[in-house]
Amino acid sequence: MSENVKNRYEFVLFFDIENGNPNGDPDAGNMPRIDAETGLGW
């Protein structure tokens, strides 16, 4: 084992969100961002 890697730590973060909007537009009241031509979300 290399002398540089004596104490190795690994972290995992899990989280769960209900009714979240990760693609919300802050300038439009957090509404989903929608393509104006197709009506589909980005």
Protein backbone atom coordinates (compact mmCIF):
# COMPACT_ATOMS: atom_id res chain seq x y z
CA MET A 1 0.00 0.00 0.00
CA SER A 2 1.24 3.45 -0.86
CA GLU A 3 2.35 5.72 1.96
CA ASN A 4 0.15 8.50 0.52
CA VAL A 5 -3.11 6.58 1.05
CA LYS A 6 -3.08 5.50 4.70
CA ASN A 7 -6.45 6.85 5.84
CA ARG A 8 -9.07 6.71 3.12
CA TYR A 9 -12.64 7.84 3.76
CA GLU A 10 -15.60 7.50 1.45
CA PHE A 11 -18.94 9.25 1.90
CA VAL A 12 -22.33 8.60 0.37
CA LEU A 13 -25.23 11.03 0.68
CA PHE A 14 -28.79 9.91 0.01
CA PHE A 15 -31.75 12.25 0.02
CA ASP A 16 -35.37 12.08 -1.03
CA ILE A 17 -37.60 14.94 -2.16
CA GLU A 18 -41.36 14.89 -2.55
CA ASN A 19 -43.00 17.20 -5.09
CA GLY A 20 -39.64 18.74 -5.98
CA ASN A 21 -38.98 20.86 -9.06
CA PRO A 22 -35.26 20.59 -9.84
CA ASN A 23 -35.68 22.34 -13.18
CA GLY A 24 -37.67 25.28 -11.83
CA ASP A 25 -37.18 28.77 -13.23
CA PRO A 26 -36.59 31.22 -10.35
CA ASP A 27 -37.64 34.14 -12.55
CA ALA A 28 -41.06 32.56 -13.23
CA GLY A 29 -42.14 31.64 -9.70
CA ASN A 30 -40.30 28.29 -9.80
CA MET A 31 -42.55 27.01 -12.61
CA PRO A 32 -41.08 24.20 -14.73
CA ARG A 33 -38.99 25.32 -17.69
CA ILE A 34 -40.91 24.48 -20.85
CA ASP A 35 -39.90 24.70 -24.50
CA ALA A 36 -42.26 27.27 -26.05
CA GLU A 37 -42.39 25.47 -29.40
CA THR A 38 -43.04 21.90 -28.27
CA GLY A 39 -44.61 22.42 -24.84
CA LEU A 40 -42.26 19.79 -23.40
CA GLY A 41 -40.04 20.29 -20.37
CA TRP A 42 -36.37 20.96 -20.85
